[in-house]
Amino acid sequence: MRIGELAKRAGVNIQTLRFYEREGLLRQPPRTAHGYRVYAAGDLDRLRFIRLCQEMGFTLGDVRDVLEAHRVLAAARDKGASWPQARTRILSTARKRLDQIDEKLSVLALMRGEMMTLVSGLTEEKQQTCPIAEKRAARKRA
């Protein structure tokens, strides 16, 4: 299939595919005599795997690590010596990403509390000053 069809079937744009190729996430496909890229069904599977990893919160750097470990796991169906190492690599990457997500959630919870305070303060009709200005002044005094 050509690049436009692959992009459509994967739900991405053509520039995304080209970017993934430059970054080494997708292989450089063979080309026709006229220079058109020719993709196989395996490229669509790989692209869907990449997108799934991204939806789970992995960065492209993480995806690269996970793809390599996934390749090892798929090749080592008999759970040979490389299987535990590949599993450990995916687990390590996932735990690192989970820690980062938890950190972001903590920051977002604090931001949510601050925003709720602001909204609450602004909905009170007796409010005479800007709650943001009050908070800023309080921080300067501290």
Protein backbone atom coordinates (compact mmCIF):
# COMPACT_ATOMS: atom_id res chain seq x y z
CA MET A 1 0.00 0.00 0.00
CA ARG A 2 1.13 3.57 -0.56
CA ILE A 3 1.74 6.21 2.07
CA GLY A 4 -1.68 7.85 1.77
CA GLU A 5 -3.51 4.57 2.27
CA LEU A 6 -1.33 3.61 5.23
CA ALA A 7 -1.87 7.00 6.84
CA LYS A 8 -5.62 6.76 6.35
CA ARG A 9 -5.87 3.21 7.69
CA ALA A 10 -3.74 4.09 10.73
CA GLY A 11 -5.54 7.36 11.42
CA VAL A 12 -2.44 9.55 11.12
CA ASN A 13 -1.25 12.08 8.59
CA ILE A 14 1.43 11.51 6.00
CA GLN A 15 3.90 13.82 7.75
CA THR A 16 3.64 11.65 10.86
CA LEU A 17 4.66 8.60 8.82
CA ARG A 18 7.61 10.44 7.32
CA PHE A 19 8.65 11.62 10.78
CA TYR A 20 8.47 8.08 12.18
CA GLU A 21 10.65 6.91 9.29
CA ARG A 22 13.24 9.62 9.97
CA GLU A 23 13.23 8.71 13.67
CA GLY A 24 13.69 5.02 12.90
CA LEU A 25 10.35 3.95 14.39
CA LEU A 26 9.17 2.76 10.98
CA ARG A 27 11.46 1.11 8.47
CA GLN A 28 12.34 2.91 5.26
CA PRO A 29 10.00 1.18 2.82
CA PRO A 30 11.03 0.02 -0.61
CA ARG A 31 10.06 2.32 -3.46
CA THR A 32 8.59 1.78 -6.86
CA ALA A 33 10.45 2.78 -10.00
CA HIS A 34 8.58 6.09 -9.80
CA GLY A 35 9.72 6.68 -6.22
CA TYR A 36 6.47 5.84 -4.40
CA ARG A 37 6.84 4.26 -0.99
CA VAL A 38 5.38 0.75 -0.74
CA TYR A 39 4.26 -0.41 2.69
CA ALA A 40 3.32 -3.89 3.89
CA ALA A 41 0.66 -5.02 6.36
CA GLY A 42 3.38 -5.35 9.00
CA ASP A 43 4.02 -1.61 8.73
CA LEU A 44 0.37 -0.94 9.58
CA ASP A 45 0.63 -3.29 12.58
CA ARG A 46 3.78 -1.53 13.77
CA LEU A 47 2.19 1.89 13.32
CA ARG A 48 -0.85 0.80 15.32
CA PHE A 49 1.48 -0.49 18.05
CA ILE A 50 3.29 2.87 18.12
CA ARG A 51 0.00 4.75 18.39
CA LEU A 52 -1.21 2.45 21.18
CA CYS A 53 2.00 3.05 23.13
CA GLN A 54 1.55 6.80 22.72
CA GLU A 55 -2.06 6.61 23.89
CA MET A 56 -0.81 4.80 27.01
CA GLY A 57 1.50 7.75 27.72
CA PHE A 58 4.83 6.56 26.35
CA THR A 59 7.08 9.15 24.70
CA LEU A 60 8.61 8.38 21.31
CA GLY A 61 11.88 7.57 23.05
CA ASP A 62 10.02 5.12 25.27
CA VAL A 63 8.27 3.68 22.22
CA ARG A 64 11.63 2.99 20.62
CA ASP A 65 12.71 1.00 23.71
CA VAL A 66 9.39 -0.82 23.96
CA LEU A 67 9.41 -1.69 20.24
CA GLU A 68 12.83 -3.29 20.52
CA ALA A 69 11.89 -5.25 23.63
CA HIS A 70 8.58 -6.25 22.02
CA ARG A 71 10.50 -7.54 19.00
CA VAL A 72 12.68 -9.66 21.28
CA LEU A 73 9.64 -10.99 23.14
CA ALA A 74 7.87 -11.87 19.91
CA ALA A 75 10.97 -13.66 18.59
CA ALA A 76 11.63 -15.54 21.84
CA ARG A 77 8.35 -17.39 22.13
CA ASP A 78 10.13 -20.23 23.90
CA LYS A 79 11.08 -17.78 26.67
CA GLY A 80 14.79 -18.19 26.06
CA ALA A 81 17.52 -16.22 27.80
CA SER A 82 16.60 -12.92 26.12
CA TRP A 83 12.96 -13.04 27.19
CA PRO A 84 13.47 -11.96 30.84
CA GLN A 85 15.74 -9.10 29.76
CA ALA A 86 13.18 -7.83 27.25
CA ARG A 87 10.39 -8.13 29.80
CA THR A 88 12.47 -6.25 32.37
CA ARG A 89 13.19 -3.51 29.84
CA ILE A 90 9.49 -2.96 29.08
CA LEU A 91 8.66 -3.08 32.79
CA SER A 92 11.37 -0.55 33.62
CA THR A 93 10.19 1.84 30.90
CA ALA A 94 6.57 1.47 32.01
CA ARG A 95 7.41 2.07 35.68
CA LYS A 96 9.41 5.18 34.82
CA ARG A 97 6.52 6.53 32.76
CA LEU A 98 4.05 5.67 35.54
CA ASP A 99 6.13 7.63 38.04
CA GLN A 100 6.10 10.62 35.70
CA ILE A 101 2.33 10.34 35.24
CA ASP A 102 1.83 10.21 39.02
CA GLU A 103 3.97 13.32 39.39
CA LYS A 104 1.92 15.15 36.77
CA LEU A 105 -1.30 14.07 38.48
CA SER A 106 -0.06 15.55 41.76
CA VAL A 107 0.73 18.84 40.06
CA LEU A 108 -2.64 18.83 38.31
CA ALA A 109 -4.43 18.15 41.61
CA LEU A 110 -2.74 21.21 43.14
CA MET A 111 -3.63 23.29 40.10
CA ARG A 112 -7.21 22.09 40.28
CA GLY A 113 -7.45 23.13 43.92
CA GLU A 114 -6.07 26.57 43.12
CA MET A 115 -8.49 26.98 40.21
CA MET A 116 -11.44 25.87 42.34
CA THR A 117 -10.48 28.47 44.92
CA LEU A 118 -10.33 31.12 42.20
CA VAL A 119 -13.69 30.13 40.73
CA SER A 120 -15.26 30.01 44.18
CA GLY A 121 -13.85 33.42 45.06
CA LEU A 122 -15.04 34.98 41.82
CA THR A 123 -18.56 33.57 42.10
CA GLU A 124 -19.11 35.25 45.46
CA GLU A 125 -20.88 38.51 44.76
CA LYS A 126 -19.37 40.18 47.81
CA GLN A 127 -15.86 39.66 46.42
CA GLN A 128 -14.33 43.14 46.04
CA THR A 129 -10.79 42.27 44.98
CA CYS A 130 -9.28 39.89 42.51
CA PRO A 131 -8.41 36.56 44.22
CA ILE A 132 -5.31 36.25 42.07
CA ALA A 133 -4.05 39.64 43.20
CA GLU A 134 -4.75 38.68 46.83
CA LYS A 135 -2.81 35.44 46.45
CA ARG A 136 0.10 37.29 44.84
CA ALA A 137 0.17 39.82 47.65
CA ALA A 138 0.08 37.02 50.25
CA ARG A 139 3.05 35.32 48.59
CA LYS A 140 5.03 38.56 48.62
CA ARG A 141 4.37 38.94 52.35
CA ALA A 142 5.49 35.37 53.06
